[in-house]
Amino acid sequence: MYEPDNRVNSEIEKLTQIYYREAYQHESFIRVSLRKKEHLVGCCLLLSCRLLNWPISMATISSLLDADPMVMGMLYIEMVKILNIEAPIVNITDVMEAHSHDYQISSLHAPEELSESHKDLTKRAVELVELSADTWIVTGRRPIPIMMAAIYLSWQSLKPNKHRLKLSLEKFCQLAKVNKHKPAIKRITEMKEMLCKLGQEIPWVREAVTPDNVVKHVEDILKHRHALLRRALRAQEDALLAERQASCEDLPIKEDADNHQLHGETLKSQDPEPNWGKRVLFAPPCVVQAKKSRVEQPELTDVTGDEEISDSEIDAYIRTPQEVREFALSQKMLE
């Protein structure tokens, strides 16, 4: 959310030092590794920011320290419990509002056709992130690229004029004076694909909804997102049901039982189980992009050692006179 060169105010800095001294001297942390003590500094900073209403996420602190968010989260919970402090929980709106202020695209910094208020930008970006969470896009992903993608698409959709639609993420980041996060490009693609699936269910839209024009329909999609989600999921279920019925009708009515069983076993051995994430409308990224498991090759059990060897294979093992002389010479040199 914040770039590494941004600094917190002196009040947060002092409070962080106080909590770190208290935590460092506690018997639970005084003998831990140097790396864990660095993580402890991040936890104290996160706690101080939240106590003083400075919205910042755990993932942001983790990325600045190059730490595992899961490890940081467990350490944070342990520290808060040991220090007996009630830390407030920051919601997505607060974090997104703070993140949107990093983008200098107000009327003071950008031309009229490109400027946008942080209030409107935050409101739309929060709705887009919430919809992304409902469709599994957020699951297991870093928050900063997700928020950057949401800000970019929200900015385009609030006033989808030719000036905004032709501006790439890189140009947008240059305009807003923020550093581009490369994963945000992929998150934008995923959000557009999700929006297309919902946009196709809008009854009054006659044109085909594609990634090139879906930004124009973002307002309607977000306004009716719950109804569109239900329609899209129902349409997907109907399509799968029709596909199954059609495949059942294609099977022959009568078939020899042994041949049918043999045919089924053959198909099962040849075609691995399909990825169920490809069959549903929305699924977690780890399912949609699941790594293929390595298929073990069956051992050759029919090799006995008594097989005939062809003349050409025998010739391949016989040394030529030149090879014999070179081999003898090398052996002599080694001796």
C-alpha atoms as a PDB file:
ATOM      1  CA  MET A   1       0.000   0.000   0.000  1.00  0.00           C
ATOM      2  CA  TYR A   2       2.722   2.471   0.932  1.00  0.00           C
ATOM      3  CA  GLU A   3       6.015   2.734  -0.902  1.00  0.00           C
ATOM      4  CA  PRO A   4       9.161   1.931   1.087  1.00  0.00           C
ATOM      5  CA  ASP A   5      10.311   5.566   1.078  1.00  0.00           C
ATOM      6  CA  ASN A   6       7.095   6.773   2.769  1.00  0.00           C
ATOM      7  CA  ARG A   7       7.441   7.378   6.510  1.00  0.00           C
ATOM      8  CA  VAL A   8       4.990   7.245   9.383  1.00  0.00           C
ATOM      9  CA  ASN A   9       4.619  10.251  11.660  1.00  0.00           C
ATOM     10  CA  SER A  10       6.679  10.765  14.815  1.00  0.00           C
ATOM     11  CA  GLU A  11       3.821   9.737  17.115  1.00  0.00           C
ATOM     12  CA  ILE A  12       3.561   6.297  15.506  1.00  0.00           C
ATOM     13  CA  GLU A  13       7.333   5.985  15.516  1.00  0.00           C
ATOM     14  CA  LYS A  14       7.585   6.710  19.260  1.00  0.00           C
ATOM     15  CA  LEU A  15       4.734   4.326  20.108  1.00  0.00           C
ATOM     16  CA  THR A  16       6.399   1.591  18.030  1.00  0.00           C
ATOM     17  CA  GLN A  17       9.637   2.023  19.976  1.00  0.00           C
ATOM     18  CA  ILE A  18       7.772   1.778  23.295  1.00  0.00           C
ATOM     19  CA  TYR A  19       6.002  -1.447  22.317  1.00  0.00           C
ATOM     20  CA  TYR A  20       9.168  -2.942  20.868  1.00  0.00           C
ATOM     21  CA  ARG A  21      11.156  -2.331  24.070  1.00  0.00           C
ATOM     22  CA  GLU A  22       8.362  -3.917  26.084  1.00  0.00           C
ATOM     23  CA  ALA A  23       8.073  -6.921  23.765  1.00  0.00           C
ATOM     24  CA  TYR A  24      11.847  -7.335  23.343  1.00  0.00           C
ATOM     25  CA  GLN A  25      12.426  -7.559  27.105  1.00  0.00           C
ATOM     26  CA  HIS A  26       9.684 -10.119  27.588  1.00  0.00           C
ATOM     27  CA  GLU A  27      10.868 -13.650  28.266  1.00  0.00           C
ATOM     28  CA  SER A  28       8.945 -14.948  25.230  1.00  0.00           C
ATOM     29  CA  PHE A  29      10.976 -12.846  22.765  1.00  0.00           C
ATOM     30  CA  ILE A  30      14.334 -12.039  24.380  1.00  0.00           C
ATOM     31  CA  ARG A  31      16.033 -15.228  23.131  1.00  0.00           C
ATOM     32  CA  VAL A  32      14.464 -15.480  19.670  1.00  0.00           C
ATOM     33  CA  SER A  33      16.446 -15.221  16.427  1.00  0.00           C
ATOM     34  CA  LEU A  34      17.488 -11.911  14.886  1.00  0.00           C
ATOM     35  CA  ARG A  35      15.085 -12.486  11.991  1.00  0.00           C
ATOM     36  CA  LYS A  36      12.165 -12.934  14.375  1.00  0.00           C
ATOM     37  CA  LYS A  37      13.144  -9.730  16.167  1.00  0.00           C
ATOM     38  CA  GLU A  38      12.944  -7.919  12.825  1.00  0.00           C
ATOM     39  CA  HIS A  39       9.439  -9.360  12.375  1.00  0.00           C
ATOM     40  CA  LEU A  40       8.643  -8.163  15.895  1.00  0.00           C
ATOM     41  CA  VAL A  41       9.484  -4.588  14.862  1.00  0.00           C
ATOM     42  CA  GLY A  42       6.974  -4.896  12.016  1.00  0.00           C
ATOM     43  CA  CYS A  43       4.309  -6.205  14.395  1.00  0.00           C
ATOM     44  CA  CYS A  44       4.891  -3.291  16.776  1.00  0.00           C
ATOM     45  CA  LEU A  45       4.634  -0.856  13.858  1.00  0.00           C
ATOM     46  CA  LEU A  46       1.397  -2.459  12.664  1.00  0.00           C
ATOM     47  CA  LEU A  47      -0.058  -2.302  16.171  1.00  0.00           C
ATOM     48  CA  SER A  48       0.903   1.366  16.584  1.00  0.00           C
ATOM     49  CA  CYS A  49      -0.586   2.282  13.191  1.00  0.00           C
ATOM     50  CA  ARG A  50      -3.883   0.610  14.033  1.00  0.00           C
ATOM     51  CA  LEU A  51      -4.096   2.152  17.502  1.00  0.00           C
ATOM     52  CA  LEU A  52      -3.571   5.615  16.000  1.00  0.00           C
ATOM     53  CA  ASN A  53      -6.043   5.041  13.118  1.00  0.00           C
ATOM     54  CA  TRP A  54      -3.397   4.797  10.413  1.00  0.00           C
ATOM     55  CA  PRO A  55      -4.856   2.149   8.038  1.00  0.00           C
ATOM     56  CA  ILE A  56      -2.243  -0.313   6.916  1.00  0.00           C
ATOM     57  CA  SER A  57      -2.456  -4.029   6.174  1.00  0.00           C
ATOM     58  CA  MET A  58      -0.413  -6.926   7.511  1.00  0.00           C
ATOM     59  CA  ALA A  59       0.582  -7.811   3.947  1.00  0.00           C
ATOM     60  CA  THR A  60       2.081  -4.337   3.431  1.00  0.00           C
ATOM     61  CA  ILE A  61       4.300  -4.660   6.493  1.00  0.00           C
ATOM     62  CA  SER A  62       5.240  -8.202   5.458  1.00  0.00           C
ATOM     63  CA  SER A  63       6.244  -7.107   1.959  1.00  0.00           C
ATOM     64  CA  LEU A  64       8.414  -4.285   3.319  1.00  0.00           C
ATOM     65  CA  LEU A  65      10.214  -6.766   5.586  1.00  0.00           C
ATOM     66  CA  ASP A  66      10.228  -9.492   2.922  1.00  0.00           C
ATOM     67  CA  ALA A  67       8.517 -11.735   5.468  1.00  0.00           C
ATOM     68  CA  ASP A  68       5.918 -14.494   5.222  1.00  0.00           C
ATOM     69  CA  PRO A  69       2.492 -12.936   6.050  1.00  0.00           C
ATOM     70  CA  MET A  70       1.452 -16.147   7.806  1.00  0.00           C
ATOM     71  CA  VAL A  71       4.491 -16.012  10.108  1.00  0.00           C
ATOM     72  CA  MET A  72       3.926 -12.307  10.727  1.00  0.00           C
ATOM     73  CA  GLY A  73       0.268 -12.899  11.518  1.00  0.00           C
ATOM     74  CA  MET A  74       1.016 -15.604  14.084  1.00  0.00           C
ATOM     75  CA  LEU A  75       3.707 -13.459  15.716  1.00  0.00           C
ATOM     76  CA  TYR A  76       1.361 -10.445  15.812  1.00  0.00           C
ATOM     77  CA  ILE A  77      -1.372 -12.437  17.561  1.00  0.00           C
ATOM     78  CA  GLU A  78       1.159 -13.813  20.056  1.00  0.00           C
ATOM     79  CA  MET A  79       2.597 -10.359  20.778  1.00  0.00           C
ATOM     80  CA  VAL A  80      -0.790  -8.680  21.274  1.00  0.00           C
ATOM     81  CA  LYS A  81      -1.837 -11.474  23.643  1.00  0.00           C
ATOM     82  CA  ILE A  82       1.389 -11.272  25.673  1.00  0.00           C
ATOM     83  CA  LEU A  83       1.290  -7.463  25.928  1.00  0.00           C
ATOM     84  CA  ASN A  84      -2.434  -7.655  26.760  1.00  0.00           C
ATOM     85  CA  ILE A  85      -3.448  -5.003  24.209  1.00  0.00           C
ATOM     86  CA  GLU A  86      -6.806  -4.749  22.430  1.00  0.00           C
ATOM     87  CA  ALA A  87      -5.906  -3.862  18.845  1.00  0.00           C
ATOM     88  CA  PRO A  88      -8.635  -2.487  16.565  1.00  0.00           C
ATOM     89  CA  ILE A  89      -9.472  -4.331  13.357  1.00  0.00           C
ATOM     90  CA  VAL A  90      -9.055  -2.296  10.161  1.00  0.00           C
ATOM     91  CA  ASN A  91     -11.714  -2.835   7.479  1.00  0.00           C
ATOM     92  CA  ILE A  92     -11.202  -2.833   3.722  1.00  0.00           C
ATOM     93  CA  THR A  93     -12.739   0.628   3.276  1.00  0.00           C
ATOM     94  CA  ASP A  94     -10.165   2.264   5.545  1.00  0.00           C
ATOM     95  CA  VAL A  95      -7.266   0.469   3.873  1.00  0.00           C
ATOM     96  CA  MET A  96      -8.535   1.265   0.382  1.00  0.00           C
ATOM     97  CA  GLU A  97      -9.110   4.914   1.271  1.00  0.00           C
ATOM     98  CA  ALA A  98      -5.553   5.242   2.524  1.00  0.00           C
ATOM     99  CA  HIS A  99      -4.251   3.435  -0.551  1.00  0.00           C
ATOM    100  CA  SER A 100      -6.207   5.637  -2.981  1.00  0.00           C
ATOM    101  CA  HIS A 101      -4.629   8.781  -1.516  1.00  0.00           C
ATOM    102  CA  ASP A 102      -1.263   7.585  -2.818  1.00  0.00           C
ATOM    103  CA  TYR A 103      -2.570   8.212  -6.355  1.00  0.00           C
ATOM    104  CA  GLN A 104      -2.178  11.871  -7.281  1.00  0.00           C
ATOM    105  CA  ILE A 105      -5.122  12.112  -9.669  1.00  0.00           C
ATOM    106  CA  SER A 106      -7.217  14.807  -8.022  1.00  0.00           C
ATOM    107  CA  SER A 107      -8.109  18.003  -9.882  1.00  0.00           C
ATOM    108  CA  LEU A 108      -4.987  19.583  -8.392  1.00  0.00           C
ATOM    109  CA  HIS A 109      -2.668  17.068 -10.044  1.00  0.00           C
ATOM    110  CA  ALA A 110      -4.339  15.872 -13.274  1.00  0.00           C
ATOM    111  CA  PRO A 111      -6.299  17.377 -16.210  1.00  0.00           C
ATOM    112  CA  GLU A 112     -10.079  17.489 -15.859  1.00  0.00           C
ATOM    113  CA  GLU A 113     -10.761  14.500 -18.135  1.00  0.00           C
ATOM    114  CA  LEU A 114      -8.305  12.380 -16.120  1.00  0.00           C
ATOM    115  CA  SER A 115      -8.870  13.665 -12.569  1.00  0.00           C
ATOM    116  CA  GLU A 116     -11.047  11.858 -10.030  1.00  0.00           C
ATOM    117  CA  SER A 117     -12.069  12.422  -6.417  1.00  0.00           C
ATOM    118  CA  HIS A 118     -10.605  10.029  -3.869  1.00  0.00           C
ATOM    119  CA  LYS A 119     -14.031   9.559  -2.285  1.00  0.00           C
ATOM    120  CA  ASP A 120     -15.669   8.254  -5.474  1.00  0.00           C
ATOM    121  CA  LEU A 121     -12.562   6.239  -6.351  1.00  0.00           C
ATOM    122  CA  THR A 122     -12.493   4.552  -2.953  1.00  0.00           C
ATOM    123  CA  LYS A 123     -16.207   3.717  -2.998  1.00  0.00           C
ATOM    124  CA  ARG A 124     -16.045   2.013  -6.378  1.00  0.00           C
ATOM    125  CA  ALA A 125     -12.741   0.252  -5.705  1.00  0.00           C
ATOM    126  CA  VAL A 126     -14.100  -1.215  -2.460  1.00  0.00           C
ATOM    127  CA  GLU A 127     -17.145  -2.572  -4.304  1.00  0.00           C
ATOM    128  CA  LEU A 128     -14.889  -4.069  -6.960  1.00  0.00           C
ATOM    129  CA  VAL A 129     -12.634  -5.743  -4.375  1.00  0.00           C
ATOM    130  CA  GLU A 130     -15.662  -7.139  -2.531  1.00  0.00           C
ATOM    131  CA  LEU A 131     -16.991  -8.595  -5.790  1.00  0.00           C
ATOM    132  CA  SER A 132     -13.542 -10.016  -6.540  1.00  0.00           C
ATOM    133  CA  ALA A 133     -13.569 -11.671  -3.126  1.00  0.00           C
ATOM    134  CA  ASP A 134     -16.976 -13.221  -3.875  1.00  0.00           C
ATOM    135  CA  THR A 135     -15.547 -14.716  -7.081  1.00  0.00           C
ATOM    136  CA  TRP A 136     -12.298 -16.065  -5.532  1.00  0.00           C
ATOM    137  CA  ILE A 137      -9.935 -13.577  -7.241  1.00  0.00           C
ATOM    138  CA  VAL A 138      -8.656 -12.213  -3.924  1.00  0.00           C
ATOM    139  CA  THR A 139      -7.970 -15.639  -2.398  1.00  0.00           C
ATOM    140  CA  GLY A 140      -4.266 -16.181  -1.666  1.00  0.00           C
ATOM    141  CA  ARG A 141      -3.214 -13.010  -3.481  1.00  0.00           C
ATOM    142  CA  ARG A 142      -1.125 -10.070  -2.274  1.00  0.00           C
ATOM    143  CA  PRO A 143      -3.345  -7.074  -1.446  1.00  0.00           C
ATOM    144  CA  ILE A 144      -1.367  -4.287  -3.126  1.00  0.00           C
ATOM    145  CA  PRO A 145      -1.718  -5.577  -6.731  1.00  0.00           C
ATOM    146  CA  ILE A 146      -5.404  -6.327  -6.025  1.00  0.00           C
ATOM    147  CA  MET A 147      -5.986  -2.768  -4.805  1.00  0.00           C
ATOM    148  CA  MET A 148      -3.997  -1.272  -7.677  1.00  0.00           C
ATOM    149  CA  ALA A 149      -6.055  -3.235 -10.209  1.00  0.00           C
ATOM    150  CA  ALA A 150      -9.290  -2.142  -8.495  1.00  0.00           C
ATOM    151  CA  ILE A 151      -8.198   1.514  -8.438  1.00  0.00           C
ATOM    152  CA  TYR A 152      -7.244   1.430 -12.121  1.00  0.00           C
ATOM    153  CA  LEU A 153     -10.493  -0.195 -13.300  1.00  0.00           C
ATOM    154  CA  SER A 154     -12.549   2.058 -11.010  1.00  0.00           C
ATOM    155  CA  TRP A 155     -10.833   5.141 -12.381  1.00  0.00           C
ATOM    156  CA  GLN A 156     -11.540   4.037 -15.957  1.00  0.00           C
ATOM    157  CA  SER A 157     -15.170   3.091 -15.266  1.00  0.00           C
ATOM    158  CA  LEU A 158     -16.167   6.266 -13.390  1.00  0.00           C
ATOM    159  CA  LYS A 159     -15.728   8.290 -16.593  1.00  0.00           C
ATOM    160  CA  PRO A 160     -15.098   5.829 -19.425  1.00  0.00           C
ATOM    161  CA  ASN A 161     -13.996   8.420 -21.979  1.00  0.00           C
ATOM    162  CA  LYS A 162     -11.472   7.843 -24.729  1.00  0.00           C
ATOM    163  CA  HIS A 163      -8.701   9.494 -22.734  1.00  0.00           C
ATOM    164  CA  ARG A 164      -9.019   7.044 -19.843  1.00  0.00           C
ATOM    165  CA  LEU A 165      -9.751   3.889 -21.844  1.00  0.00           C
ATOM    166  CA  LYS A 166      -6.616   4.226 -23.965  1.00  0.00           C
ATOM    167  CA  LEU A 167      -4.345   4.747 -20.937  1.00  0.00           C
ATOM    168  CA  SER A 168      -2.472   1.586 -19.937  1.00  0.00           C
ATOM    169  CA  LEU A 169      -1.716   0.677 -16.331  1.00  0.00           C
ATOM    170  CA  GLU A 170       1.882   1.803 -16.770  1.00  0.00           C
ATOM    171  CA  LYS A 171       0.817   5.222 -18.107  1.00  0.00           C
ATOM    172  CA  PHE A 172      -1.789   5.492 -15.350  1.00  0.00           C
ATOM    173  CA  CYS A 173       0.843   4.852 -12.687  1.00  0.00           C
ATOM    174  CA  GLN A 174       3.080   7.483 -14.248  1.00  0.00           C
ATOM    175  CA  LEU A 175       0.166   9.926 -14.187  1.00  0.00           C
ATOM    176  CA  ALA A 176      -0.654   9.089 -10.557  1.00  0.00           C
ATOM    177  CA  LYS A 177       3.037   9.089  -9.557  1.00  0.00           C
ATOM    178  CA  VAL A 178       3.037   5.594  -8.032  1.00  0.00           C
ATOM    179  CA  ASN A 179       5.220   2.576  -8.723  1.00  0.00           C
ATOM    180  CA  LYS A 180       3.579  -0.104 -10.838  1.00  0.00           C
ATOM    181  CA  HIS A 181       3.278  -3.596  -9.378  1.00  0.00           C
ATOM    182  CA  LYS A 182       3.574  -6.152 -12.183  1.00  0.00           C
ATOM    183  CA  PRO A 183       1.103  -8.677 -10.686  1.00  0.00           C
ATOM    184  CA  ALA A 184      -1.576  -5.969 -10.956  1.00  0.00           C
ATOM    185  CA  ILE A 185      -1.654  -6.546 -14.732  1.00  0.00           C
ATOM    186  CA  LYS A 186      -2.778 -10.136 -14.220  1.00  0.00           C
ATOM    187  CA  ARG A 187      -5.299  -9.104 -11.559  1.00  0.00           C
ATOM    188  CA  ILE A 188      -6.787  -6.611 -14.044  1.00  0.00           C
ATOM    189  CA  THR A 189      -7.166  -9.399 -16.612  1.00  0.00           C
ATOM    190  CA  GLU A 190      -8.839 -11.661 -14.056  1.00  0.00           C
ATOM    191  CA  MET A 191     -11.211  -8.915 -12.904  1.00  0.00           C
ATOM    192  CA  LYS A 192     -12.172  -8.135 -16.490  1.00  0.00           C
ATOM    193  CA  GLU A 193     -12.886 -11.809 -17.184  1.00  0.00           C
ATOM    194  CA  MET A 194     -15.086 -11.958 -14.091  1.00  0.00           C
ATOM    195  CA  LEU A 195     -16.896  -8.746 -15.055  1.00  0.00           C
ATOM    196  CA  CYS A 196     -17.502 -10.114 -18.565  1.00  0.00           C
ATOM    197  CA  LYS A 197     -19.199 -13.227 -17.147  1.00  0.00           C
ATOM    198  CA  LEU A 198     -21.549 -11.028 -15.135  1.00  0.00           C
ATOM    199  CA  GLY A 199     -21.995  -8.379 -17.821  1.00  0.00           C
ATOM    200  CA  GLN A 200     -23.294 -10.996 -20.237  1.00  0.00           C
ATOM    201  CA  GLU A 201     -26.254 -11.496 -17.887  1.00  0.00           C
ATOM    202  CA  ILE A 202     -27.413  -7.845 -18.017  1.00  0.00           C
ATOM    203  CA  PRO A 203     -30.804  -8.056 -19.797  1.00  0.00           C
ATOM    204  CA  TRP A 204     -30.669  -4.639 -21.490  1.00  0.00           C
ATOM    205  CA  VAL A 205     -27.166  -5.032 -22.929  1.00  0.00           C
ATOM    206  CA  ARG A 206     -27.471  -6.251 -26.529  1.00  0.00           C
ATOM    207  CA  GLU A 207     -23.822  -6.113 -27.568  1.00  0.00           C
ATOM    208  CA  ALA A 208     -21.327  -8.808 -26.690  1.00  0.00           C
ATOM    209  CA  VAL A 209     -19.544  -7.945 -23.457  1.00  0.00           C
ATOM    210  CA  THR A 210     -15.793  -8.329 -23.958  1.00  0.00           C
ATOM    211  CA  PRO A 211     -12.663  -7.278 -22.030  1.00  0.00           C
ATOM    212  CA  ASP A 212     -12.382  -4.330 -24.432  1.00  0.00           C
ATOM    213  CA  ASN A 213     -15.787  -2.820 -23.563  1.00  0.00           C
ATOM    214  CA  VAL A 214     -16.641  -4.278 -20.139  1.00  0.00           C
ATOM    215  CA  VAL A 215     -15.357  -1.153 -18.347  1.00  0.00           C
ATOM    216  CA  LYS A 216     -18.384   0.747 -19.681  1.00  0.00           C
ATOM    217  CA  HIS A 217     -20.695  -1.685 -17.889  1.00  0.00           C
ATOM    218  CA  VAL A 218     -18.910  -1.749 -14.511  1.00  0.00           C
ATOM    219  CA  GLU A 219     -21.391   0.643 -12.888  1.00  0.00           C
ATOM    220  CA  ASP A 220     -24.386  -1.545 -13.821  1.00  0.00           C
ATOM    221  CA  ILE A 221     -22.546  -4.733 -12.872  1.00  0.00           C
ATOM    222  CA  LEU A 222     -21.667  -3.446  -9.401  1.00  0.00           C
ATOM    223  CA  LYS A 223     -25.145  -2.013  -8.873  1.00  0.00           C
ATOM    224  CA  HIS A 224     -26.841  -5.349  -9.640  1.00  0.00           C
ATOM    225  CA  ARG A 225     -23.961  -7.689  -8.741  1.00  0.00           C
ATOM    226  CA  HIS A 226     -25.947 -10.008  -6.462  1.00  0.00           C
ATOM    227  CA  ALA A 227     -28.696 -10.614  -9.040  1.00  0.00           C
ATOM    228  CA  LEU A 228     -26.161 -11.007 -11.849  1.00  0.00           C
ATOM    229  CA  LEU A 229     -24.141 -13.507  -9.811  1.00  0.00           C
ATOM    230  CA  ARG A 230     -27.247 -15.638  -9.273  1.00  0.00           C
ATOM    231  CA  ARG A 231     -28.174 -15.471 -12.979  1.00  0.00           C
ATOM    232  CA  ALA A 232     -24.655 -16.340 -14.115  1.00  0.00           C
ATOM    233  CA  LEU A 233     -24.322 -19.287 -11.709  1.00  0.00           C
ATOM    234  CA  ARG A 234     -27.764 -20.605 -12.663  1.00  0.00           C
ATOM    235  CA  ALA A 235     -26.928 -20.335 -16.382  1.00  0.00           C
ATOM    236  CA  GLN A 236     -23.675 -22.252 -15.793  1.00  0.00           C
ATOM    237  CA  GLU A 237     -25.497 -25.005 -13.897  1.00  0.00           C
ATOM    238  CA  ASP A 238     -28.097 -25.318 -16.676  1.00  0.00           C
ATOM    239  CA  ALA A 239     -25.349 -25.577 -19.288  1.00  0.00           C
ATOM    240  CA  LEU A 240     -23.557 -28.337 -17.335  1.00  0.00           C
ATOM    241  CA  LEU A 241     -26.817 -30.228 -16.866  1.00  0.00           C
ATOM    242  CA  ALA A 242     -27.612 -30.038 -20.585  1.00  0.00           C
ATOM    243  CA  GLU A 243     -24.084 -31.247 -21.389  1.00  0.00           C
ATOM    244  CA  ARG A 244     -24.452 -34.271 -19.110  1.00  0.00           C
ATOM    245  CA  GLN A 245     -27.833 -35.152 -20.555  1.00  0.00           C
ATOM    246  CA  ALA A 246     -26.465 -34.922 -24.088  1.00  0.00           C
ATOM    247  CA  SER A 247     -23.516 -37.188 -23.230  1.00  0.00           C
ATOM    248  CA  CYS A 248     -25.876 -39.769 -21.687  1.00  0.00           C
ATOM    249  CA  GLU A 249     -28.073 -39.795 -24.810  1.00  0.00           C
ATOM    250  CA  ASP A 250     -25.022 -40.479 -26.986  1.00  0.00           C
ATOM    251  CA  LEU A 251     -24.274 -43.768 -25.166  1.00  0.00           C
ATOM    252  CA  PRO A 252     -25.599 -46.946 -26.919  1.00  0.00           C
ATOM    253  CA  ILE A 253     -28.675 -48.452 -25.289  1.00  0.00           C
ATOM    254  CA  LYS A 254     -27.370 -52.052 -25.315  1.00  0.00           C
ATOM    255  CA  GLU A 255     -23.764 -53.066 -25.053  1.00  0.00           C
ATOM    256  CA  ASP A 256     -21.953 -56.173 -23.970  1.00  0.00           C
ATOM    257  CA  ALA A 257     -21.259 -55.922 -20.232  1.00  0.00           C
ATOM    258  CA  ASP A 258     -17.623 -57.065 -20.456  1.00  0.00           C
ATOM    259  CA  ASN A 259     -16.832 -54.761 -23.371  1.00  0.00           C
ATOM    260  CA  HIS A 260     -18.529 -51.832 -21.630  1.00  0.00           C
ATOM    261  CA  GLN A 261     -16.487 -52.398 -18.464  1.00  0.00           C
ATOM    262  CA  LEU A 262     -13.256 -52.761 -20.455  1.00  0.00           C
ATOM    263  CA  HIS A 263     -14.051 -49.608 -22.437  1.00  0.00           C
ATOM    264  CA  GLY A 264     -14.699 -47.664 -19.232  1.00  0.00           C
ATOM    265  CA  GLU A 265     -11.443 -48.805 -17.650  1.00  0.00           C
ATOM    266  CA  THR A 266      -9.533 -47.856 -20.785  1.00  0.00           C
ATOM    267  CA  LEU A 267     -11.019 -44.353 -20.819  1.00  0.00           C
ATOM    268  CA  LYS A 268     -10.294 -43.948 -17.128  1.00  0.00           C
ATOM    269  CA  SER A 269      -6.656 -44.914 -17.610  1.00  0.00           C
ATOM    270  CA  GLN A 270      -6.173 -42.653 -20.646  1.00  0.00           C
ATOM    271  CA  ASP A 271      -8.004 -39.514 -19.495  1.00  0.00           C
ATOM    272  CA  PRO A 272      -7.004 -38.152 -16.083  1.00  0.00           C
ATOM    273  CA  GLU A 273      -9.701 -36.612 -13.894  1.00  0.00           C
ATOM    274  CA  PRO A 274     -10.489 -33.162 -15.345  1.00  0.00           C
ATOM    275  CA  ASN A 275      -9.862 -30.034 -13.279  1.00  0.00           C
ATOM    276  CA  TRP A 276     -13.217 -29.203 -11.682  1.00  0.00           C
ATOM    277  CA  GLY A 277     -12.185 -25.541 -11.524  1.00  0.00           C
ATOM    278  CA  LYS A 278     -12.490 -25.393 -15.307  1.00  0.00           C
ATOM    279  CA  ARG A 279     -16.091 -26.585 -15.188  1.00  0.00           C
ATOM    280  CA  VAL A 280     -17.457 -24.042 -12.700  1.00  0.00           C
ATOM    281  CA  LEU A 281     -17.946 -20.335 -13.292  1.00  0.00           C
ATOM    282  CA  PHE A 282     -15.715 -19.167 -10.433  1.00  0.00           C
ATOM    283  CA  ALA A 283     -13.130 -21.148  -8.474  1.00  0.00           C
ATOM    284  CA  PRO A 284     -10.051 -20.506  -6.291  1.00  0.00           C
ATOM    285  CA  PRO A 285      -6.861 -19.704  -8.239  1.00  0.00           C
ATOM    286  CA  CYS A 286      -5.097 -22.754  -6.802  1.00  0.00           C
ATOM    287  CA  VAL A 287      -7.777 -24.937  -8.413  1.00  0.00           C
ATOM    288  CA  VAL A 288      -8.070 -23.168 -11.769  1.00  0.00           C
ATOM    289  CA  GLN A 289      -4.277 -23.058 -12.177  1.00  0.00           C
ATOM    290  CA  ALA A 290      -3.564 -26.355 -10.454  1.00  0.00           C
ATOM    291  CA  LYS A 291      -0.197 -27.905 -11.219  1.00  0.00           C
ATOM    292  CA  LYS A 292      -0.381 -31.175 -13.068  1.00  0.00           C
ATOM    293  CA  SER A 293       0.731 -34.103 -10.968  1.00  0.00           C
ATOM    294  CA  ARG A 294       3.490 -36.230 -12.394  1.00  0.00           C
ATOM    295  CA  VAL A 295       2.166 -39.493 -13.810  1.00  0.00           C
ATOM    296  CA  GLU A 296       4.324 -42.438 -12.837  1.00  0.00           C
ATOM    297  CA  GLN A 297       5.369 -44.599 -15.751  1.00  0.00           C
ATOM    298  CA  PRO A 298       4.475 -48.279 -15.289  1.00  0.00           C
ATOM    299  CA  GLU A 299       7.426 -50.612 -14.852  1.00  0.00           C
ATOM    300  CA  LEU A 300       8.239 -52.955 -17.708  1.00  0.00           C
ATOM    301  CA  THR A 301       7.434 -56.374 -16.318  1.00  0.00           C
ATOM    302  CA  ASP A 302       7.800 -58.299 -19.575  1.00  0.00           C
ATOM    303  CA  VAL A 303      11.601 -57.948 -19.832  1.00  0.00           C
ATOM    304  CA  THR A 304      13.257 -61.287 -18.942  1.00  0.00           C
ATOM    305  CA  GLY A 305      16.775 -60.908 -20.377  1.00  0.00           C
ATOM    306  CA  ASP A 306      16.257 -63.731 -22.877  1.00  0.00           C
ATOM    307  CA  GLU A 307      15.165 -61.435 -25.713  1.00  0.00           C
ATOM    308  CA  GLU A 308      16.961 -61.687 -29.069  1.00  0.00           C
ATOM    309  CA  ILE A 309      19.474 -58.932 -29.863  1.00  0.00           C
ATOM    310  CA  SER A 310      19.630 -57.669 -33.422  1.00  0.00           C
ATOM    311  CA  ASP A 311      22.871 -57.652 -35.426  1.00  0.00           C
ATOM    312  CA  SER A 312      22.825 -53.849 -35.640  1.00  0.00           C
ATOM    313  CA  GLU A 313      22.679 -53.562 -31.848  1.00  0.00           C
ATOM    314  CA  ILE A 314      25.547 -56.066 -31.482  1.00  0.00           C
ATOM    315  CA  ASP A 315      27.651 -54.067 -33.943  1.00  0.00           C
ATOM    316  CA  ALA A 316      27.108 -50.984 -31.813  1.00  0.00           C
ATOM    317  CA  TYR A 317      28.886 -52.678 -28.877  1.00  0.00           C
ATOM    318  CA  ILE A 318      31.906 -53.986 -30.891  1.00  0.00           C
ATOM    319  CA  ARG A 319      34.950 -51.677 -30.904  1.00  0.00           C
ATOM    320  CA  THR A 320      36.669 -50.796 -34.140  1.00  0.00           C
ATOM    321  CA  PRO A 321      40.475 -51.450 -34.431  1.00  0.00           C
ATOM    322  CA  GLN A 322      41.097 -47.739 -33.913  1.00  0.00           C
ATOM    323  CA  GLU A 323      38.944 -47.713 -30.765  1.00  0.00           C
ATOM    324  CA  VAL A 324      40.788 -50.801 -29.458  1.00  0.00           C
ATOM    325  CA  ARG A 325      44.206 -49.080 -29.903  1.00  0.00           C
ATOM    326  CA  GLU A 326      42.933 -45.865 -28.217  1.00  0.00           C
ATOM    327  CA  PHE A 327      41.490 -47.840 -25.313  1.00  0.00           C
ATOM    328  CA  ALA A 328      44.723 -49.787 -24.804  1.00  0.00           C
ATOM    329  CA  LEU A 329      46.755 -46.561 -24.922  1.00  0.00           C
ATOM    330  CA  SER A 330      44.550 -44.879 -22.353  1.00  0.00           C
ATOM    331  CA  GLN A 331      44.767 -47.875 -20.030  1.00  0.00           C
ATOM    332  CA  LYS A 332      48.585 -47.837 -20.323  1.00  0.00           C
ATOM    333  CA  MET A 333      48.681 -44.129 -19.505  1.00  0.00           C
ATOM    334  CA  LEU A 334      46.522 -44.647 -16.444  1.00  0.00           C
ATOM    335  CA  GLU A 335      48.804 -47.437 -15.207  1.00  0.00           C
END
